[in-house]
Amino acid sequence: MATFLRTWSYRFPQLYNSISFLASLSVGGEKRFHFLPLEGLSLPSECKILDLCCGGGQATEYLVQLSPSVTGLDASSVSLKRAVERVPTAQYVESLAEHMPFSQDTFELVHTSVALHEMDSTQLEQILREVYRVLAPGGQFVLLDLHRPTNPLFWPPLALFMLLFETKTAWQLINTDLSQILKSVGFREIQQKLHAGGSLQVIQSRK
């Protein structure tokens, strides 16, 4: 699965940004897209935020509006370089998400956006356990990612996007019950909301 366009999307950020912009239109634009996982949250102004798998800083740019203490983590040095240029006020760490170099109970909010579908099932569970570890008691984990559409009209564009840009892990994720895995890890107050005909899911949960 996937085509040369997947490689191009990593090499040429303009292509990736264009794809992201088009995807965001289905929920009302890029700003709302990035704020969807944050809707309804009550956060202290000085809370420590982790932008997990931050990529080039597309969501980090909005998280720094909520707190002066934002850390972006990604395994790609190229992506982190772009993130630094885009959002220089955040801190950045190069690391795998399943082995984060943070102490237990470090962050009050962990956020990740359209990244978990890149992970196989073993990685996914490891990452969620790491998120639980680095969250402070009462801290919140929020995510936005792909989901199996509930409206059949949204199947063709999602399937085309996944065929062109994604691998089998994305297909696995849309058949995965993330809420159930979060519950098994220990998260509580798990709330899922669907957008764009069910093709996007937002989950908010608490340690």
N, C-alpha and C. Protein backbone atom coordinates (compact mmCIF):
# COMPACT_ATOMS: atom_id res chain seq x y z
N MET A 1 0.83 -1.19 0.00
CA MET A 1 0.00 0.00 0.00
C MET A 1 0.87 1.25 0.00
N ALA A 2 0.24 2.37 -0.23
CA ALA A 2 0.93 3.67 -0.34
C ALA A 2 1.67 3.75 -1.66
N THR A 3 2.00 4.95 -2.06
CA THR A 3 2.69 5.19 -3.33
C THR A 3 3.86 6.13 -3.09
N PHE A 4 4.50 6.53 -4.17
CA PHE A 4 5.63 7.46 -4.08
C PHE A 4 5.20 8.78 -3.42
N LEU A 5 3.90 9.07 -3.43
CA LEU A 5 3.42 10.31 -2.82
C LEU A 5 3.68 10.34 -1.32
N ARG A 6 3.71 9.16 -0.69
CA ARG A 6 4.01 9.11 0.73
C ARG A 6 5.43 9.62 0.98
N THR A 7 6.38 9.15 0.18
CA THR A 7 7.77 9.60 0.32
C THR A 7 7.88 11.09 0.03
N TRP A 8 7.19 11.52 -1.00
CA TRP A 8 7.22 12.95 -1.35
C TRP A 8 6.67 13.81 -0.23
N SER A 9 5.64 13.32 0.46
CA SER A 9 5.02 14.12 1.52
C SER A 9 5.99 14.37 2.67
N TYR A 10 6.98 13.45 2.86
CA TYR A 10 7.99 13.65 3.89
C TYR A 10 9.11 14.56 3.38
N ARG A 11 9.45 14.41 2.08
CA ARG A 11 10.55 15.19 1.53
C ARG A 11 10.16 16.63 1.25
N PHE A 12 8.90 16.85 0.89
CA PHE A 12 8.47 18.19 0.51
C PHE A 12 7.33 18.64 1.43
N PRO A 13 7.65 19.44 2.45
CA PRO A 13 6.63 19.84 3.43
C PRO A 13 5.45 20.59 2.82
N GLN A 14 5.68 21.26 1.67
CA GLN A 14 4.57 21.98 1.04
C GLN A 14 3.47 21.00 0.62
N LEU A 15 3.86 19.81 0.14
CA LEU A 15 2.88 18.81 -0.24
C LEU A 15 2.13 18.33 0.98
N TYR A 16 2.85 18.03 2.06
CA TYR A 16 2.21 17.57 3.29
C TYR A 16 1.26 18.62 3.84
N ASN A 17 1.70 19.87 3.83
CA ASN A 17 0.86 20.95 4.36
C ASN A 17 -0.40 21.12 3.52
N SER A 18 -0.27 20.94 2.21
CA SER A 18 -1.45 21.05 1.34
C SER A 18 -2.45 19.94 1.63
N ILE A 19 -1.94 18.73 1.85
CA ILE A 19 -2.82 17.60 2.18
C ILE A 19 -3.52 17.85 3.51
N SER A 20 -2.76 18.34 4.49
CA SER A 20 -3.34 18.62 5.80
C SER A 20 -4.42 19.69 5.72
N PHE A 21 -4.14 20.71 4.90
CA PHE A 21 -5.12 21.80 4.76
C PHE A 21 -6.42 21.28 4.15
N LEU A 22 -6.31 20.45 3.11
CA LEU A 22 -7.51 19.92 2.47
C LEU A 22 -8.30 19.03 3.43
N ALA A 23 -7.57 18.24 4.23
CA ALA A 23 -8.24 17.38 5.20
C ALA A 23 -8.97 18.19 6.26
N SER A 24 -8.37 19.31 6.64
CA SER A 24 -8.96 20.13 7.70
C SER A 24 -10.26 20.80 7.28
N LEU A 25 -10.47 20.97 5.98
CA LEU A 25 -11.68 21.64 5.50
C LEU A 25 -12.94 20.87 5.90
N SER A 26 -12.81 19.57 6.07
CA SER A 26 -13.98 18.76 6.42
C SER A 26 -14.49 19.03 7.83
N VAL A 27 -13.67 19.69 8.66
CA VAL A 27 -14.10 20.01 10.03
C VAL A 27 -14.12 21.51 10.28
N GLY A 28 -13.97 22.31 9.22
CA GLY A 28 -14.09 23.75 9.39
C GLY A 28 -12.80 24.52 9.32
N GLY A 29 -11.72 23.89 8.84
CA GLY A 29 -10.47 24.62 8.68
C GLY A 29 -9.37 24.13 9.60
N GLU A 30 -8.15 24.56 9.30
CA GLU A 30 -6.97 24.05 10.00
C GLU A 30 -6.96 24.37 11.49
N LYS A 31 -7.38 25.58 11.84
CA LYS A 31 -7.36 25.96 13.25
C LYS A 31 -8.30 25.07 14.06
N ARG A 32 -9.51 24.88 13.57
CA ARG A 32 -10.46 24.02 14.30
C ARG A 32 -9.97 22.58 14.31
N PHE A 33 -9.37 22.11 13.23
CA PHE A 33 -8.83 20.76 13.16
C PHE A 33 -7.88 20.51 14.33
N HIS A 34 -6.97 21.46 14.57
CA HIS A 34 -5.97 21.26 15.61
C HIS A 34 -6.52 21.50 17.01
N PHE A 35 -7.61 22.24 17.12
CA PHE A 35 -8.19 22.48 18.43
C PHE A 35 -9.24 21.45 18.82
N LEU A 36 -9.66 20.58 17.89
CA LEU A 36 -10.68 19.59 18.19
C LEU A 36 -10.33 18.74 19.43
N PRO A 37 -9.09 18.24 19.55
CA PRO A 37 -8.80 17.42 20.73
C PRO A 37 -8.80 18.21 22.03
N LEU A 38 -8.76 19.54 21.94
CA LEU A 38 -8.64 20.40 23.12
C LEU A 38 -9.97 21.00 23.55
N GLU A 39 -11.02 20.76 22.77
CA GLU A 39 -12.31 21.37 23.07
C GLU A 39 -12.85 20.89 24.41
N GLY A 40 -13.25 21.85 25.23
CA GLY A 40 -13.86 21.53 26.51
C GLY A 40 -12.89 21.25 27.63
N LEU A 41 -11.59 21.29 27.36
CA LEU A 41 -10.61 21.02 28.40
C LEU A 41 -10.42 22.25 29.28
N SER A 42 -10.19 22.00 30.55
CA SER A 42 -9.86 23.06 31.50
C SER A 42 -8.41 22.86 31.90
N LEU A 43 -7.53 23.77 31.44
CA LEU A 43 -6.10 23.60 31.65
C LEU A 43 -5.53 24.77 32.44
N PRO A 44 -4.66 24.49 33.42
CA PRO A 44 -3.96 25.59 34.09
C PRO A 44 -3.04 26.30 33.11
N SER A 45 -2.84 27.59 33.29
CA SER A 45 -2.08 28.38 32.32
C SER A 45 -0.62 27.97 32.23
N GLU A 46 -0.09 27.36 33.28
CA GLU A 46 1.32 26.96 33.30
C GLU A 46 1.50 25.45 33.14
N CYS A 47 0.48 24.77 32.63
CA CYS A 47 0.56 23.31 32.57
C CYS A 47 1.65 22.85 31.60
N LYS A 48 2.24 21.72 31.94
CA LYS A 48 3.27 21.14 31.09
C LYS A 48 2.61 20.26 30.04
N ILE A 49 2.86 20.57 28.77
CA ILE A 49 2.21 19.89 27.65
C ILE A 49 3.25 19.15 26.82
N LEU A 50 2.94 17.92 26.46
CA LEU A 50 3.76 17.15 25.53
C LEU A 50 3.01 16.99 24.22
N ASP A 51 3.61 17.43 23.12
CA ASP A 51 3.06 17.19 21.79
C ASP A 51 3.78 15.96 21.24
N LEU A 52 3.13 14.82 21.37
CA LEU A 52 3.73 13.54 21.03
C LEU A 52 3.69 13.30 19.53
N CYS A 53 4.85 12.92 18.96
CA CYS A 53 4.97 12.75 17.50
C CYS A 53 4.58 14.06 16.83
N CYS A 54 5.28 15.11 17.20
CA CYS A 54 4.90 16.47 16.80
C CYS A 54 5.16 16.79 15.34
N GLY A 55 5.96 15.96 14.66
CA GLY A 55 6.25 16.25 13.25
C GLY A 55 6.87 17.61 13.07
N GLY A 56 6.38 18.35 12.09
CA GLY A 56 6.91 19.67 11.79
C GLY A 56 6.33 20.79 12.61
N GLY A 57 5.58 20.47 13.66
CA GLY A 57 5.07 21.49 14.57
C GLY A 57 3.73 22.07 14.20
N GLN A 58 2.99 21.38 13.34
CA GLN A 58 1.69 21.93 12.91
C GLN A 58 0.74 22.13 14.09
N ALA A 59 0.66 21.14 14.98
CA ALA A 59 -0.19 21.29 16.16
C ALA A 59 0.52 22.03 17.28
N THR A 60 1.83 21.89 17.36
CA THR A 60 2.60 22.59 18.39
C THR A 60 2.34 24.08 18.34
N GLU A 61 2.16 24.59 17.14
CA GLU A 61 1.91 26.02 16.94
C GLU A 61 0.67 26.49 17.71
N TYR A 62 -0.30 25.61 17.87
CA TYR A 62 -1.52 25.96 18.59
C TYR A 62 -1.39 25.66 20.08
N LEU A 63 -0.63 24.64 20.43
CA LEU A 63 -0.45 24.29 21.84
C LEU A 63 0.29 25.37 22.61
N VAL A 64 1.23 26.06 21.97
CA VAL A 64 1.97 27.11 22.68
C VAL A 64 1.09 28.31 23.00
N GLN A 65 -0.09 28.36 22.40
CA GLN A 65 -1.04 29.42 22.76
C GLN A 65 -1.72 29.12 24.10
N LEU A 66 -1.61 27.87 24.56
CA LEU A 66 -2.26 27.46 25.80
C LEU A 66 -1.32 27.48 27.00
N SER A 67 -0.03 27.34 26.75
CA SER A 67 0.94 27.25 27.84
C SER A 67 2.33 27.61 27.33
N PRO A 68 3.16 28.22 28.20
CA PRO A 68 4.55 28.50 27.81
C PRO A 68 5.45 27.29 27.97
N SER A 69 4.90 26.18 28.46
CA SER A 69 5.71 24.99 28.72
C SER A 69 5.25 23.83 27.83
N VAL A 70 5.68 23.87 26.56
CA VAL A 70 5.30 22.85 25.59
C VAL A 70 6.56 22.15 25.08
N THR A 71 6.53 20.84 25.10
CA THR A 71 7.63 20.03 24.57
C THR A 71 7.12 19.20 23.40
N GLY A 72 7.83 19.27 22.28
CA GLY A 72 7.50 18.44 21.14
C GLY A 72 8.46 17.27 21.06
N LEU A 73 7.93 16.07 20.85
CA LEU A 73 8.77 14.88 20.73
C LEU A 73 8.51 14.22 19.38
N ASP A 74 9.59 13.84 18.71
CA ASP A 74 9.46 13.13 17.44
C ASP A 74 10.74 12.33 17.21
N ALA A 75 10.61 11.24 16.43
CA ALA A 75 11.77 10.40 16.14
C ALA A 75 12.57 10.91 14.95
N SER A 76 12.02 11.88 14.22
CA SER A 76 12.68 12.38 13.00
C SER A 76 13.39 13.70 13.26
N SER A 77 14.70 13.71 13.06
CA SER A 77 15.46 14.94 13.23
C SER A 77 15.08 15.98 12.17
N VAL A 78 14.72 15.51 10.97
CA VAL A 78 14.32 16.43 9.90
C VAL A 78 13.03 17.13 10.29
N SER A 79 12.07 16.37 10.81
CA SER A 79 10.80 16.97 11.23
C SER A 79 11.01 17.96 12.37
N LEU A 80 11.87 17.59 13.32
CA LEU A 80 12.12 18.48 14.45
C LEU A 80 12.79 19.78 14.02
N LYS A 81 13.65 19.71 13.02
CA LYS A 81 14.26 20.93 12.51
C LYS A 81 13.20 21.87 11.96
N ARG A 82 12.23 21.31 11.25
CA ARG A 82 11.14 22.13 10.72
C ARG A 82 10.29 22.68 11.86
N ALA A 83 10.07 21.86 12.90
CA ALA A 83 9.27 22.31 14.03
C ALA A 83 9.94 23.48 14.75
N VAL A 84 11.25 23.40 14.91
CA VAL A 84 12.00 24.49 15.57
C VAL A 84 11.84 25.78 14.78
N GLU A 85 11.92 25.68 13.46
CA GLU A 85 11.77 26.87 12.62
C GLU A 85 10.35 27.42 12.70
N ARG A 86 9.38 26.54 12.83
CA ARG A 86 7.99 26.96 12.83
C ARG A 86 7.55 27.49 14.20
N VAL A 87 8.00 26.79 15.26
CA VAL A 87 7.58 27.17 16.63
C VAL A 87 8.82 27.19 17.53
N PRO A 88 9.61 28.24 17.46
CA PRO A 88 10.86 28.28 18.23
C PRO A 88 10.67 28.39 19.73
N THR A 89 9.48 28.74 20.19
CA THR A 89 9.26 28.92 21.63
C THR A 89 9.05 27.60 22.38
N ALA A 90 8.82 26.51 21.67
CA ALA A 90 8.67 25.20 22.32
C ALA A 90 10.03 24.54 22.51
N GLN A 91 10.06 23.54 23.37
CA GLN A 91 11.23 22.70 23.54
C GLN A 91 11.04 21.43 22.71
N TYR A 92 12.14 20.80 22.28
CA TYR A 92 12.01 19.62 21.43
C TYR A 92 12.96 18.52 21.87
N VAL A 93 12.48 17.29 21.72
CA VAL A 93 13.26 16.11 22.08
C VAL A 93 13.15 15.10 20.94
N GLU A 94 14.29 14.57 20.52
CA GLU A 94 14.29 13.53 19.49
C GLU A 94 14.28 12.17 20.18
N SER A 95 13.22 11.42 20.00
CA SER A 95 13.09 10.14 20.68
C SER A 95 11.95 9.33 20.07
N LEU A 96 12.01 8.03 20.27
CA LEU A 96 10.89 7.17 19.93
C LEU A 96 9.78 7.36 20.95
N ALA A 97 8.55 7.33 20.48
CA ALA A 97 7.41 7.55 21.38
C ALA A 97 7.23 6.40 22.35
N GLU A 98 7.70 5.20 21.99
CA GLU A 98 7.52 4.06 22.89
C GLU A 98 8.61 3.97 23.96
N HIS A 99 9.60 4.85 23.89
CA HIS A 99 10.67 4.89 24.91
C HIS A 99 11.01 6.35 25.20
N MET A 100 10.09 7.05 25.82
CA MET A 100 10.28 8.49 26.04
C MET A 100 11.25 8.76 27.20
N PRO A 101 12.16 9.72 27.01
CA PRO A 101 13.17 10.02 28.03
C PRO A 101 12.67 11.01 29.09
N PHE A 102 11.49 10.76 29.62
CA PHE A 102 10.91 11.64 30.63
C PHE A 102 10.63 10.84 31.89
N SER A 103 10.66 11.53 33.02
CA SER A 103 10.34 10.90 34.29
C SER A 103 8.84 10.63 34.39
N GLN A 104 8.49 9.76 35.29
CA GLN A 104 7.08 9.48 35.56
C GLN A 104 6.40 10.75 36.06
N ASP A 105 5.14 10.93 35.67
CA ASP A 105 4.30 12.04 36.16
C ASP A 105 4.83 13.42 35.75
N THR A 106 5.37 13.54 34.54
CA THR A 106 5.99 14.81 34.11
C THR A 106 4.98 15.81 33.57
N PHE A 107 4.01 15.35 32.78
CA PHE A 107 3.14 16.26 32.03
C PHE A 107 1.70 16.23 32.55
N GLU A 108 1.04 17.37 32.40
CA GLU A 108 -0.38 17.46 32.74
C GLU A 108 -1.28 17.24 31.54
N LEU A 109 -0.69 17.37 30.34
CA LEU A 109 -1.43 17.10 29.11
C LEU A 109 -0.49 16.48 28.09
N VAL A 110 -0.91 15.35 27.54
CA VAL A 110 -0.21 14.76 26.39
C VAL A 110 -1.18 14.79 25.22
N HIS A 111 -0.68 15.31 24.09
CA HIS A 111 -1.50 15.49 22.89
C HIS A 111 -0.81 14.79 21.73
N THR A 112 -1.59 14.14 20.88
CA THR A 112 -1.03 13.62 19.64
C THR A 112 -2.07 13.72 18.53
N SER A 113 -1.62 14.05 17.35
CA SER A 113 -2.53 14.30 16.23
C SER A 113 -2.09 13.51 15.00
N VAL A 114 -3.00 12.70 14.47
CA VAL A 114 -2.80 11.87 13.27
C VAL A 114 -1.40 11.25 13.22
N ALA A 115 -1.04 10.58 14.30
CA ALA A 115 0.26 9.90 14.36
C ALA A 115 0.12 8.43 14.73
N LEU A 116 -0.85 8.08 15.54
CA LEU A 116 -0.96 6.70 16.01
C LEU A 116 -1.23 5.71 14.90
N HIS A 117 -1.82 6.18 13.79
CA HIS A 117 -2.09 5.25 12.69
C HIS A 117 -0.81 4.82 11.97
N GLU A 118 0.31 5.42 12.33
CA GLU A 118 1.60 5.02 11.76
C GLU A 118 2.22 3.85 12.52
N MET A 119 1.62 3.44 13.64
CA MET A 119 2.22 2.44 14.51
C MET A 119 1.56 1.07 14.35
N ASP A 120 2.36 0.01 14.45
CA ASP A 120 1.75 -1.32 14.47
C ASP A 120 1.16 -1.56 15.85
N SER A 121 0.44 -2.65 16.01
CA SER A 121 -0.33 -2.87 17.23
C SER A 121 0.56 -2.96 18.47
N THR A 122 1.75 -3.55 18.34
CA THR A 122 2.66 -3.65 19.48
C THR A 122 3.18 -2.28 19.88
N GLN A 123 3.61 -1.50 18.88
CA GLN A 123 4.07 -0.14 19.16
C GLN A 123 2.97 0.69 19.80
N LEU A 124 1.77 0.56 19.28
CA LEU A 124 0.64 1.36 19.76
C LEU A 124 0.42 1.15 21.25
N GLU A 125 0.39 -0.09 21.67
CA GLU A 125 0.16 -0.35 23.10
C GLU A 125 1.33 0.14 23.94
N GLN A 126 2.57 -0.03 23.44
CA GLN A 126 3.74 0.47 24.16
C GLN A 126 3.67 1.98 24.33
N ILE A 127 3.26 2.67 23.28
CA ILE A 127 3.18 4.13 23.32
C ILE A 127 2.13 4.58 24.32
N LEU A 128 0.97 3.94 24.31
CA LEU A 128 -0.09 4.33 25.23
C LEU A 128 0.32 4.08 26.68
N ARG A 129 1.09 3.02 26.92
CA ARG A 129 1.59 2.78 28.28
C ARG A 129 2.62 3.83 28.69
N GLU A 130 3.43 4.27 27.74
CA GLU A 130 4.39 5.33 28.01
C GLU A 130 3.68 6.66 28.29
N VAL A 131 2.64 6.93 27.54
CA VAL A 131 1.85 8.14 27.78
C VAL A 131 1.30 8.12 29.20
N TYR A 132 0.78 6.98 29.60
CA TYR A 132 0.22 6.85 30.95
C TYR A 132 1.32 7.09 31.99
N ARG A 133 2.50 6.59 31.74
CA ARG A 133 3.61 6.73 32.68
C ARG A 133 4.02 8.18 32.86
N VAL A 134 4.15 8.92 31.76
CA VAL A 134 4.68 10.29 31.86
C VAL A 134 3.61 11.31 32.26
N LEU A 135 2.33 10.91 32.24
CA LEU A 135 1.27 11.80 32.69
C LEU A 135 1.23 11.88 34.21
N ALA A 136 1.02 13.07 34.73
CA ALA A 136 0.80 13.24 36.16
C ALA A 136 -0.58 12.71 36.53
N PRO A 137 -0.78 12.29 37.78
CA PRO A 137 -2.10 11.85 38.20
C PRO A 137 -3.15 12.92 37.92
N GLY A 138 -4.23 12.53 37.30
CA GLY A 138 -5.27 13.49 36.92
C GLY A 138 -5.00 14.15 35.59
N GLY A 139 -3.82 13.91 35.01
CA GLY A 139 -3.47 14.49 33.72
C GLY A 139 -4.31 13.92 32.60
N GLN A 140 -4.34 14.63 31.48
CA GLN A 140 -5.21 14.26 30.37
C GLN A 140 -4.42 13.89 29.12
N PHE A 141 -4.90 12.88 28.43
CA PHE A 141 -4.35 12.46 27.15
C PHE A 141 -5.41 12.66 26.09
N VAL A 142 -5.08 13.42 25.05
CA VAL A 142 -6.03 13.69 23.98
C VAL A 142 -5.40 13.32 22.64
N LEU A 143 -6.21 12.82 21.75
CA LEU A 143 -5.70 12.41 20.45
C LEU A 143 -6.72 12.67 19.36
N LEU A 144 -6.21 12.84 18.17
CA LEU A 144 -7.02 12.93 16.95
C LEU A 144 -6.40 11.99 15.94
N ASP A 145 -7.23 11.14 15.32
CA ASP A 145 -6.68 10.23 14.32
C ASP A 145 -7.79 9.70 13.42
N LEU A 146 -7.40 8.83 12.53
CA LEU A 146 -8.34 8.26 11.56
C LEU A 146 -9.32 7.32 12.25
N HIS A 147 -10.47 7.13 11.60
CA HIS A 147 -11.51 6.25 12.12
C HIS A 147 -12.32 5.70 10.96
N ARG A 148 -12.89 4.54 11.16
CA ARG A 148 -13.75 3.95 10.12
C ARG A 148 -14.98 4.84 9.94
N PRO A 149 -15.23 5.36 8.73
CA PRO A 149 -16.37 6.27 8.53
C PRO A 149 -17.70 5.64 8.90
N THR A 150 -18.54 6.44 9.51
CA THR A 150 -19.92 6.01 9.78
C THR A 150 -20.86 6.45 8.67
N ASN A 151 -20.43 7.44 7.90
CA ASN A 151 -21.19 7.91 6.74
C ASN A 151 -20.51 7.34 5.48
N PRO A 152 -21.22 6.51 4.70
CA PRO A 152 -20.58 5.87 3.53
C PRO A 152 -20.04 6.85 2.51
N LEU A 153 -20.54 8.09 2.50
CA LEU A 153 -20.03 9.09 1.55
C LEU A 153 -18.58 9.45 1.83
N PHE A 154 -18.11 9.20 3.04
CA PHE A 154 -16.73 9.54 3.40
C PHE A 154 -15.75 8.40 3.17
N TRP A 155 -16.27 7.22 2.79
CA TRP A 155 -15.37 6.11 2.53
C TRP A 155 -14.47 6.33 1.30
N PRO A 156 -14.99 6.77 0.15
CA PRO A 156 -14.12 6.93 -1.02
C PRO A 156 -12.94 7.87 -0.79
N PRO A 157 -13.14 9.11 -0.25
CA PRO A 157 -11.97 9.96 -0.05
C PRO A 157 -10.98 9.41 0.97
N LEU A 158 -11.48 8.78 2.04
CA LEU A 158 -10.57 8.21 3.03
C LEU A 158 -9.78 7.04 2.44
N ALA A 159 -10.47 6.17 1.71
CA ALA A 159 -9.79 5.02 1.12
C ALA A 159 -8.74 5.47 0.10
N LEU A 160 -9.06 6.48 -0.70
CA LEU A 160 -8.10 6.98 -1.68
C LEU A 160 -6.88 7.57 -0.97
N PHE A 161 -7.12 8.36 0.06
CA PHE A 161 -6.01 8.95 0.82
C PHE A 161 -5.11 7.86 1.40
N MET A 162 -5.73 6.84 1.97
CA MET A 162 -4.94 5.78 2.59
C MET A 162 -4.18 4.95 1.56
N LEU A 163 -4.79 4.72 0.42
CA LEU A 163 -4.09 3.97 -0.64
C LEU A 163 -2.89 4.74 -1.17
N LEU A 164 -3.00 6.06 -1.24
CA LEU A 164 -1.92 6.87 -1.80
C LEU A 164 -0.81 7.16 -0.80
N PHE A 165 -1.19 7.36 0.47
CA PHE A 165 -0.23 7.89 1.43
C PHE A 165 0.07 7.01 2.64
N GLU A 166 -0.77 6.01 2.91
CA GLU A 166 -0.61 5.28 4.15
C GLU A 166 -0.21 3.82 3.92
N THR A 167 0.17 3.16 5.02
CA THR A 167 0.55 1.76 4.99
C THR A 167 -0.51 0.93 5.71
N LYS A 168 -0.24 -0.34 5.88
CA LYS A 168 -1.24 -1.24 6.48
C LYS A 168 -1.57 -0.86 7.92
N THR A 169 -0.67 -0.14 8.60
CA THR A 169 -0.97 0.21 9.99
C THR A 169 -2.17 1.15 10.09
N ALA A 170 -2.36 1.99 9.08
CA ALA A 170 -3.53 2.89 9.09
C ALA A 170 -4.81 2.09 8.95
N TRP A 171 -4.79 1.06 8.10
CA TRP A 171 -5.97 0.21 7.95
C TRP A 171 -6.24 -0.56 9.25
N GLN A 172 -5.17 -0.94 9.93
CA GLN A 172 -5.34 -1.64 11.20
C GLN A 172 -5.98 -0.72 12.24
N LEU A 173 -5.55 0.55 12.26
CA LEU A 173 -6.06 1.46 13.28
C LEU A 173 -7.56 1.69 13.15
N ILE A 174 -8.05 1.83 11.92
CA ILE A 174 -9.49 2.13 11.78
C ILE A 174 -10.35 0.93 12.17
N ASN A 175 -9.72 -0.23 12.36
CA ASN A 175 -10.43 -1.40 12.85
C ASN A 175 -10.09 -1.69 14.32
N THR A 176 -9.44 -0.73 14.97
CA THR A 176 -9.02 -0.89 16.36
C THR A 176 -9.90 -0.04 17.27
N ASP A 177 -10.27 -0.60 18.39
CA ASP A 177 -11.04 0.13 19.40
C ASP A 177 -10.05 0.80 20.35
N LEU A 178 -9.66 2.03 20.04
CA LEU A 178 -8.69 2.73 20.87
C LEU A 178 -9.19 2.96 22.29
N SER A 179 -10.46 3.23 22.42
CA SER A 179 -11.03 3.46 23.75
C SER A 179 -10.84 2.25 24.65
N GLN A 180 -11.02 1.07 24.08
CA GLN A 180 -10.86 -0.15 24.87
C GLN A 180 -9.41 -0.36 25.28
N ILE A 181 -8.47 -0.05 24.38
CA ILE A 181 -7.05 -0.19 24.73
C ILE A 181 -6.67 0.81 25.81
N LEU A 182 -7.15 2.03 25.69
CA LEU A 182 -6.88 3.05 26.72
C LEU A 182 -7.40 2.58 28.07
N LYS A 183 -8.58 2.00 28.08
CA LYS A 183 -9.16 1.51 29.32
C LYS A 183 -8.29 0.41 29.92
N SER A 184 -7.79 -0.49 29.08
CA SER A 184 -6.96 -1.59 29.57
C SER A 184 -5.63 -1.10 30.13
N VAL A 185 -5.14 0.02 29.59
CA VAL A 185 -3.88 0.61 30.08
C VAL A 185 -4.09 1.26 31.44
N GLY A 186 -5.32 1.74 31.71
CA GLY A 186 -5.60 2.36 32.99
C GLY A 186 -6.26 3.72 32.91
N PHE A 187 -6.46 4.23 31.69
CA PHE A 187 -7.10 5.53 31.54
C PHE A 187 -8.58 5.45 31.94
N ARG A 188 -9.12 6.59 32.36
CA ARG A 188 -10.52 6.67 32.76
C ARG A 188 -11.15 7.90 32.11
N GLU A 189 -12.43 8.09 32.33
CA GLU A 189 -13.16 9.22 31.76
C GLU A 189 -12.90 9.35 30.26
N ILE A 190 -12.97 8.22 29.58
CA ILE A 190 -12.65 8.18 28.15
C ILE A 190 -13.87 8.63 27.34
N GLN A 191 -13.68 9.66 26.53
CA GLN A 191 -14.75 10.20 25.71
C GLN A 191 -14.30 10.24 24.25
N GLN A 192 -15.10 9.67 23.38
CA GLN A 192 -14.80 9.67 21.95
C GLN A 192 -15.84 10.47 21.19
N LYS A 193 -15.37 11.32 20.28
CA LYS A 193 -16.26 12.06 19.40
C LYS A 193 -15.79 11.84 17.96
N LEU A 194 -16.75 11.69 17.06
CA LEU A 194 -16.44 11.46 15.65
C LEU A 194 -16.75 12.71 14.83
N HIS A 195 -15.92 12.95 13.81
CA HIS A 195 -16.08 14.10 12.94
C HIS A 195 -15.89 13.66 11.49
N ALA A 196 -16.24 14.55 10.58
CA ALA A 196 -16.06 14.30 9.14
C ALA A 196 -16.66 12.96 8.73
N GLY A 197 -17.95 12.79 9.04
CA GLY A 197 -18.62 11.56 8.66
C GLY A 197 -18.08 10.33 9.34
N GLY A 198 -17.45 10.54 10.50
CA GLY A 198 -16.87 9.42 11.24
C GLY A 198 -15.47 9.05 10.82
N SER A 199 -14.89 9.75 9.84
CA SER A 199 -13.55 9.39 9.36
C SER A 199 -12.43 9.93 10.25
N LEU A 200 -12.79 10.79 11.20
CA LEU A 200 -11.83 11.28 12.19
C LEU A 200 -12.39 11.05 13.57
N GLN A 201 -11.54 10.63 14.49
CA GLN A 201 -11.97 10.45 15.87
C GLN A 201 -11.13 11.33 16.80
N VAL A 202 -11.80 11.88 17.78
CA VAL A 202 -11.14 12.59 18.86
C VAL A 202 -11.42 11.84 20.14
N ILE A 203 -10.38 11.54 20.90
CA ILE A 203 -10.55 10.87 22.18
C ILE A 203 -9.88 11.70 23.27
N GLN A 204 -10.60 11.95 24.32
CA GLN A 204 -10.07 12.61 25.50
C GLN A 204 -10.15 11.62 26.67
N SER A 205 -9.08 11.54 27.44
CA SER A 205 -9.05 10.59 28.55
C SER A 205 -8.20 11.16 29.68
N ARG A 206 -8.27 10.51 30.83
CA ARG A 206 -7.56 11.02 32.02
C ARG A 206 -6.87 9.88 32.74
N LYS A 207 -5.71 10.20 33.32
CA LYS A 207 -4.98 9.22 34.13
C LYS A 207 -5.58 9.18 35.54
